[in-house]
């Protein structure tokens, strides 16, 4: 088993020399193009973290962007949403859009982590979203760092994408952290979803790795 210290060193090298690690560079490039709601915005074989600035409405918009507005139902789910607080509202989306997603409903931090662990180790879904925004902060902070390292090693081995959505930085071994903002107010209530998606901004943050 690879030691946590070695993994930290690897991530520091990837951050300092992104040209030698195309996976991370591709993810940052996709974000810089203003597409935080494309799967390609997140590096393969790694954990990414999305932290909204202010209200978490930007998280819902990001999920809407990932689902898109397809014309035909998907025969198989393309992504998994592990919903930590059972807060996702499928009525806000078309049935065709929801056909692209497998919705895993949880009611606690531990249920959420167990579901993510099963999905990531299974390796059949290339994009797993972990929404922890509705959970009490004390429950999330209480999770051992080893939980995230275990998920990280599994997603590296399977080559998928794990995206953790949290109201504050949570994952000590994330390869990419995005600060998500949309600048929304009550004046935007009548705007279309497409208009709001155009305003969604994702800014990569510098990560301080912690063991």
Protein backbone atom coordinates (compact mmCIF):
# COMPACT_ATOMS: atom_id res chain seq x y z
CA UNK A 1 0.00 0.00 0.00
CA UNK A 2 1.34 3.46 -0.96
CA UNK A 3 2.15 5.63 2.05
CA UNK A 4 0.26 8.93 2.54
CA UNK A 5 3.57 10.83 2.61
CA UNK A 6 4.48 9.52 -0.86
CA UNK A 7 1.05 10.50 -2.18
CA UNK A 8 1.47 14.02 -0.82
CA UNK A 9 4.84 14.29 -2.58
CA UNK A 10 3.31 13.12 -5.85
CA UNK A 11 0.55 15.73 -5.64
CA UNK A 12 3.02 18.49 -4.85
CA UNK A 13 5.06 17.51 -7.91
CA UNK A 14 1.93 17.53 -10.08
CA UNK A 15 1.06 21.00 -8.83
CA UNK A 16 4.58 22.36 -9.44
CA UNK A 17 5.07 20.64 -12.82
CA UNK A 18 1.60 20.36 -14.45
CA UNK A 19 3.13 19.86 -17.90
CA UNK A 20 4.39 16.47 -16.78
CA UNK A 21 0.98 15.45 -15.51
CA UNK A 22 -1.52 15.97 -18.30
CA UNK A 23 -4.53 14.81 -16.31
CA UNK A 24 -4.38 17.70 -13.88
CA UNK A 25 -3.49 20.25 -16.57
CA UNK A 26 -6.45 19.17 -18.71
CA UNK A 27 -8.82 19.64 -15.80
CA UNK A 28 -7.58 23.17 -15.08
CA UNK A 29 -7.70 24.05 -18.78
CA UNK A 30 -11.34 22.96 -19.02
CA UNK A 31 -12.23 25.16 -16.06
CA UNK A 32 -10.41 28.13 -17.56
CA UNK A 33 -12.59 27.75 -20.64
CA UNK A 34 -15.60 28.49 -18.41
CA UNK A 35 -17.02 24.96 -18.37
CA UNK A 36 -17.15 23.83 -14.72
CA UNK A 37 -20.16 21.68 -15.63
CA UNK A 38 -18.35 19.42 -18.09
CA UNK A 39 -16.98 16.12 -16.87
CA UNK A 40 -13.70 17.05 -18.59
CA UNK A 41 -13.27 19.91 -16.11
CA UNK A 42 -12.31 17.34 -13.49
CA UNK A 43 -9.10 15.27 -13.74
CA UNK A 44 -9.39 11.53 -14.25
CA UNK A 45 -8.10 9.20 -11.59
CA UNK A 46 -8.39 11.86 -8.89
CA UNK A 47 -10.65 13.54 -6.34
CA UNK A 48 -11.80 17.06 -7.15
CA UNK A 49 -13.53 19.38 -4.72
CA UNK A 50 -16.09 22.11 -5.48
CA UNK A 51 -16.73 24.77 -2.84
CA UNK A 52 -19.45 27.37 -3.51
CA UNK A 53 -18.93 31.01 -2.61
CA UNK A 54 -21.95 32.05 -0.56
CA UNK A 55 -25.27 30.21 -1.07
CA UNK A 56 -25.01 26.72 -2.54
CA UNK A 57 -27.21 27.52 -5.56
CA UNK A 58 -24.12 27.23 -7.72
CA UNK A 59 -23.94 23.52 -6.88
CA UNK A 60 -27.44 22.94 -8.28
CA UNK A 61 -26.48 24.85 -11.41
CA UNK A 62 -23.36 22.74 -11.85
CA UNK A 63 -25.40 19.55 -11.63
CA UNK A 64 -27.87 21.01 -14.14
CA UNK A 65 -24.99 21.75 -16.49
CA UNK A 66 -23.65 18.21 -16.19
CA UNK A 67 -27.08 16.75 -16.94
CA UNK A 68 -27.65 19.16 -19.82
CA UNK A 69 -30.81 19.19 -21.91
CA UNK A 70 -30.65 15.95 -23.92
CA UNK A 71 -33.19 15.14 -26.61
CA UNK A 72 -33.25 11.41 -25.91
CA UNK A 73 -33.23 9.37 -22.73
CA UNK A 74 -29.94 7.75 -21.84
CA UNK A 75 -30.06 3.91 -21.81
CA UNK A 76 -27.52 3.84 -18.98
CA UNK A 77 -26.62 6.43 -16.31
CA UNK A 78 -23.59 8.55 -17.16
CA UNK A 79 -22.96 9.85 -13.66
CA UNK A 80 -23.88 9.10 -10.05
CA UNK A 81 -25.07 11.67 -7.53
CA UNK A 82 -24.47 10.54 -3.95
CA UNK A 83 -26.84 12.93 -2.20
CA UNK A 84 -25.66 13.19 1.39
CA UNK A 85 -28.75 14.98 2.76
CA UNK A 86 -31.39 13.74 0.28
CA UNK A 87 -31.80 17.29 -1.03
CA UNK A 88 -31.79 16.81 -4.81
CA UNK A 89 -35.06 17.83 -6.49
CA UNK A 90 -35.68 15.69 -9.59
CA UNK A 91 -38.86 17.66 -10.34
CA UNK A 92 -36.61 20.57 -11.37
CA UNK A 93 -35.33 18.53 -14.31
CA UNK A 94 -36.86 16.69 -17.22
CA UNK A 95 -37.18 12.92 -17.07
CA UNK A 96 -34.83 12.66 -20.05
CA UNK A 97 -32.14 14.64 -18.22
CA UNK A 98 -32.58 12.55 -15.07
CA UNK A 99 -32.10 9.38 -17.13
CA UNK A 100 -28.41 10.30 -17.33
CA UNK A 101 -28.02 10.07 -13.56
CA UNK A 102 -28.16 7.44 -10.84
CA UNK A 103 -29.42 9.14 -7.67
CA UNK A 104 -28.20 7.63 -4.40
CA UNK A 105 -30.20 9.10 -1.50
CA UNK A 106 -28.48 9.33 1.88
CA UNK A 107 -29.34 10.92 5.23
CA UNK A 108 -25.99 11.10 7.00
CA UNK A 109 -22.30 11.62 6.39
CA UNK A 110 -21.57 7.97 7.12
CA UNK A 111 -24.21 6.73 4.64
CA UNK A 112 -22.77 9.07 2.02
CA UNK A 113 -19.19 7.85 2.53
CA UNK A 114 -20.20 4.18 2.49
CA UNK A 115 -22.11 4.67 -0.77
CA UNK A 116 -19.21 6.55 -2.36
CA UNK A 117 -16.79 3.86 -1.23
CA UNK A 118 -18.84 1.12 -2.88
CA UNK A 119 -19.26 3.06 -6.12
CA UNK A 120 -15.63 4.13 -6.44
CA UNK A 121 -14.25 0.68 -5.67
CA UNK A 122 -16.72 -0.88 -8.12
CA UNK A 123 -15.30 1.32 -10.87
CA UNK A 124 -18.21 1.03 -13.31
CA UNK A 125 -19.22 4.69 -13.16
CA UNK A 126 -16.67 7.14 -14.53
CA UNK A 127 -18.12 10.22 -12.77
CA UNK A 128 -19.30 10.17 -9.15
CA UNK A 129 -20.61 13.36 -7.52
CA UNK A 130 -20.61 13.49 -3.73
CA UNK A 131 -22.90 16.25 -2.42
CA UNK A 132 -22.23 16.97 1.25
CA UNK A 133 -23.56 20.55 1.26
CA UNK A 134 -26.70 19.81 3.26
CA UNK A 135 -24.96 17.86 6.04
CA UNK A 136 -23.92 19.34 9.41
CA UNK A 137 -20.37 20.62 9.25
CA UNK A 138 -19.45 18.90 12.53
CA UNK A 139 -20.31 15.49 11.02
CA UNK A 140 -18.11 16.11 8.00
CA UNK A 141 -15.16 17.45 9.98
CA UNK A 142 -15.42 14.37 12.18
CA UNK A 143 -14.60 12.08 9.25
CA UNK A 144 -11.11 10.63 9.50
CA UNK A 145 -8.58 11.73 6.87
CA UNK A 146 -8.04 8.05 6.08
CA UNK A 147 -11.56 7.97 4.59
CA UNK A 148 -10.54 10.38 1.84
CA UNK A 149 -7.17 8.71 1.24
CA UNK A 150 -8.95 5.39 0.76
CA UNK A 151 -11.29 6.95 -1.81
CA UNK A 152 -8.37 8.64 -3.52
CA UNK A 153 -6.41 5.41 -3.93
CA UNK A 154 -9.49 3.64 -5.30
CA UNK A 155 -10.29 6.34 -7.86
CA UNK A 156 -6.65 6.43 -8.95
CA UNK A 157 -6.71 2.69 -9.49
CA UNK A 158 -9.96 2.75 -11.48
CA UNK A 159 -9.28 5.94 -13.42
CA UNK A 160 -12.64 7.56 -12.68
CA UNK A 161 -13.58 11.02 -11.47
CA UNK A 162 -14.81 11.71 -7.94
CA UNK A 163 -16.14 15.22 -7.35
CA UNK A 164 -16.85 16.23 -3.74
CA UNK A 165 -19.17 19.21 -3.24
CA UNK A 166 -18.87 20.88 0.17
CA UNK A 167 -19.64 24.25 1.75
CA UNK A 168 -16.01 24.55 2.93
CA UNK A 169 -12.75 22.76 2.03
CA UNK A 170 -13.08 19.19 3.24
CA UNK A 171 -10.86 16.77 1.30
CA UNK A 172 -7.18 16.77 2.39
CA UNK A 173 -6.02 14.91 -0.72
CA UNK A 174 -7.98 16.66 -3.51
CA UNK A 175 -6.07 17.12 -6.77
CA UNK A 176 -8.21 20.08 -7.85
CA UNK A 177 -10.31 22.48 -5.80
CA UNK A 178 -12.72 24.87 -7.50
CA UNK A 179 -14.31 27.93 -5.95
CA UNK A 180 -17.78 28.14 -7.52
CA UNK A 181 -19.73 31.38 -7.84
CA UNK A 182 -22.71 32.64 -9.78
CA UNK A 183 -23.43 36.04 -8.22
CA UNK A 184 -27.15 35.35 -7.97
CA UNK A 185 -29.79 37.50 -6.27
CA UNK A 186 -33.58 37.74 -6.11
CA UNK A 187 -33.46 39.79 -9.31
CA UNK A 188 -32.37 36.63 -11.15
CA UNK A 189 -35.41 34.62 -10.10
CA UNK A 190 -37.02 34.79 -13.56
CA UNK A 191 -33.83 34.12 -15.53
CA UNK A 192 -33.63 30.93 -17.55
CA UNK A 193 -31.31 28.15 -16.48
CA UNK A 194 -29.19 28.71 -19.59
CA UNK A 195 -28.67 32.34 -18.62
CA UNK A 196 -27.65 31.36 -15.10
CA UNK A 197 -25.24 28.73 -16.38
CA UNK A 198 -23.49 31.38 -18.45
CA UNK A 199 -22.79 33.27 -15.24
CA UNK A 200 -21.43 30.29 -13.34
CA UNK A 201 -17.73 30.76 -12.68
CA UNK A 202 -15.24 28.24 -11.33
CA UNK A 203 -11.83 29.37 -10.11
CA UNK A 204 -9.08 26.82 -9.32
CA UNK A 205 -7.62 27.30 -5.85
CA UNK A 206 -4.14 26.54 -4.62
CA UNK A 207 -4.28 23.46 -2.42
CA UNK A 208 -2.32 23.05 0.78
CA UNK A 209 -1.91 19.32 1.20
CA UNK A 210 -2.52 17.83 4.63
CA UNK A 211 -1.78 14.31 5.87
